[in-house]
């Protein structure tokens, strides 16, 4: 179940990044910060 919840969280973040990249002016890349990546790996 924990792995499923992590995948759900990752999918949610991926959708946010996808929509943000579509809405931005494409001058700066949209990416997760190191702390956000670390949070995805944590079991909170």
N, C-alpha and C. Protein backbone atom coordinates (compact mmCIF):
# COMPACT_ATOMS: atom_id res chain seq x y z
N UNK A 1 0.82 -1.20 0.00
CA UNK A 1 0.00 0.00 0.00
C UNK A 1 0.87 1.26 0.00
N UNK A 2 2.00 1.20 0.74
CA UNK A 2 2.88 2.36 0.80
C UNK A 2 3.44 2.70 -0.58
N UNK A 3 3.81 1.67 -1.33
CA UNK A 3 4.34 1.90 -2.68
C UNK A 3 3.28 2.52 -3.57
N UNK A 4 2.04 2.09 -3.43
CA UNK A 4 0.95 2.66 -4.22
C UNK A 4 0.77 4.14 -3.90
N UNK A 5 0.82 4.49 -2.61
CA UNK A 5 0.65 5.88 -2.21
C UNK A 5 1.79 6.74 -2.75
N UNK A 6 3.00 6.20 -2.76
CA UNK A 6 4.13 6.95 -3.33
C UNK A 6 3.93 7.18 -4.82
N UNK A 7 3.43 6.17 -5.51
CA UNK A 7 3.18 6.32 -6.95
C UNK A 7 2.09 7.35 -7.20
N UNK A 8 1.06 7.36 -6.37
CA UNK A 8 0.00 8.35 -6.50
C UNK A 8 0.56 9.76 -6.31
N UNK A 9 1.42 9.92 -5.31
CA UNK A 9 2.03 11.23 -5.04
C UNK A 9 2.90 11.65 -6.22
N UNK A 10 3.68 10.72 -6.76
CA UNK A 10 4.55 11.01 -7.89
C UNK A 10 3.72 11.39 -9.12
N UNK A 11 2.63 10.67 -9.36
CA UNK A 11 1.76 10.98 -10.49
C UNK A 11 1.16 12.37 -10.35
N UNK A 12 0.75 12.71 -9.14
CA UNK A 12 0.17 14.03 -8.88
C UNK A 12 1.19 15.13 -9.17
N UNK A 13 2.42 14.95 -8.70
CA UNK A 13 3.48 15.93 -8.94
C UNK A 13 3.79 16.03 -10.43
N UNK A 14 3.79 14.91 -11.12
CA UNK A 14 4.07 14.92 -12.56
C UNK A 14 3.00 15.70 -13.31
N UNK A 15 1.74 15.56 -12.91
CA UNK A 15 0.67 16.32 -13.56
C UNK A 15 0.83 17.81 -13.32
N UNK A 16 1.20 18.19 -12.09
CA UNK A 16 1.42 19.60 -11.78
C UNK A 16 2.54 20.16 -12.65
N UNK A 17 3.64 19.43 -12.76
CA UNK A 17 4.76 19.88 -13.58
C UNK A 17 4.37 19.97 -15.05
N UNK A 18 3.58 19.02 -15.52
CA UNK A 18 3.14 19.02 -16.92
C UNK A 18 2.30 20.25 -17.21
N UNK A 19 1.31 20.53 -16.37
CA UNK A 19 0.46 21.69 -16.59
C UNK A 19 1.24 22.99 -16.44
N UNK A 20 2.15 23.04 -15.49
CA UNK A 20 2.96 24.25 -15.30
C UNK A 20 3.83 24.50 -16.53
N UNK A 21 4.39 23.45 -17.09
CA UNK A 21 5.24 23.62 -18.27
C UNK A 21 4.42 24.06 -19.47
N UNK A 22 3.17 23.64 -19.56
CA UNK A 22 2.31 24.07 -20.66
C UNK A 22 1.90 25.53 -20.51
N UNK A 23 1.78 26.01 -19.28
CA UNK A 23 1.32 27.37 -19.04
C UNK A 23 2.44 28.40 -19.03
N UNK A 24 3.66 27.98 -18.80
CA UNK A 24 4.76 28.93 -18.70
C UNK A 24 5.20 29.42 -20.08
N UNK A 25 6.09 30.38 -20.09
CA UNK A 25 6.56 30.94 -21.36
C UNK A 25 7.74 30.17 -21.94
N UNK A 26 8.08 29.07 -21.36
CA UNK A 26 9.14 28.17 -21.84
C UNK A 26 10.54 28.76 -21.74
N UNK A 27 10.71 29.87 -21.04
CA UNK A 27 12.04 30.46 -20.89
C UNK A 27 12.85 29.74 -19.82
N UNK A 28 12.19 29.27 -18.80
CA UNK A 28 12.87 28.55 -17.72
C UNK A 28 12.23 27.17 -17.57
N UNK A 29 13.04 26.15 -17.42
CA UNK A 29 12.46 24.80 -17.26
C UNK A 29 11.75 24.65 -15.91
N UNK A 30 10.72 23.85 -15.91
CA UNK A 30 10.00 23.54 -14.68
C UNK A 30 10.56 22.23 -14.15
N UNK A 31 10.98 22.23 -12.90
CA UNK A 31 11.58 21.03 -12.32
C UNK A 31 11.34 21.01 -10.82
N UNK A 32 11.43 19.83 -10.26
CA UNK A 32 11.34 19.69 -8.81
C UNK A 32 12.66 20.12 -8.17
N UNK A 33 12.57 20.69 -6.99
CA UNK A 33 13.78 21.00 -6.24
C UNK A 33 14.27 19.72 -5.57
N UNK A 34 15.49 19.74 -5.07
CA UNK A 34 16.04 18.57 -4.39
C UNK A 34 15.20 18.19 -3.18
N UNK A 35 14.70 19.19 -2.44
CA UNK A 35 13.89 18.89 -1.26
C UNK A 35 12.56 18.26 -1.65
N UNK A 36 11.99 18.69 -2.78
CA UNK A 36 10.74 18.09 -3.24
C UNK A 36 10.96 16.65 -3.68
N UNK A 37 12.08 16.39 -4.33
CA UNK A 37 12.41 15.02 -4.73
C UNK A 37 12.60 14.14 -3.50
N UNK A 38 13.26 14.68 -2.47
CA UNK A 38 13.46 13.92 -1.23
C UNK A 38 12.13 13.61 -0.57
N UNK A 39 11.18 14.55 -0.61
CA UNK A 39 9.87 14.32 -0.01
C UNK A 39 9.13 13.19 -0.72
N UNK A 40 9.31 13.06 -2.03
CA UNK A 40 8.65 11.99 -2.77
C UNK A 40 9.14 10.63 -2.31
N UNK A 41 10.39 10.55 -1.91
CA UNK A 41 10.96 9.29 -1.45
C UNK A 41 10.66 8.98 0.00
N UNK A 42 10.18 9.97 0.74
CA UNK A 42 9.89 9.75 2.16
C UNK A 42 8.53 9.09 2.33
N UNK A 43 8.33 8.48 3.47
CA UNK A 43 7.06 7.78 3.74
C UNK A 43 6.22 8.59 4.72
N UNK A 44 5.78 9.77 4.30
CA UNK A 44 4.93 10.59 5.17
C UNK A 44 3.49 10.49 4.79
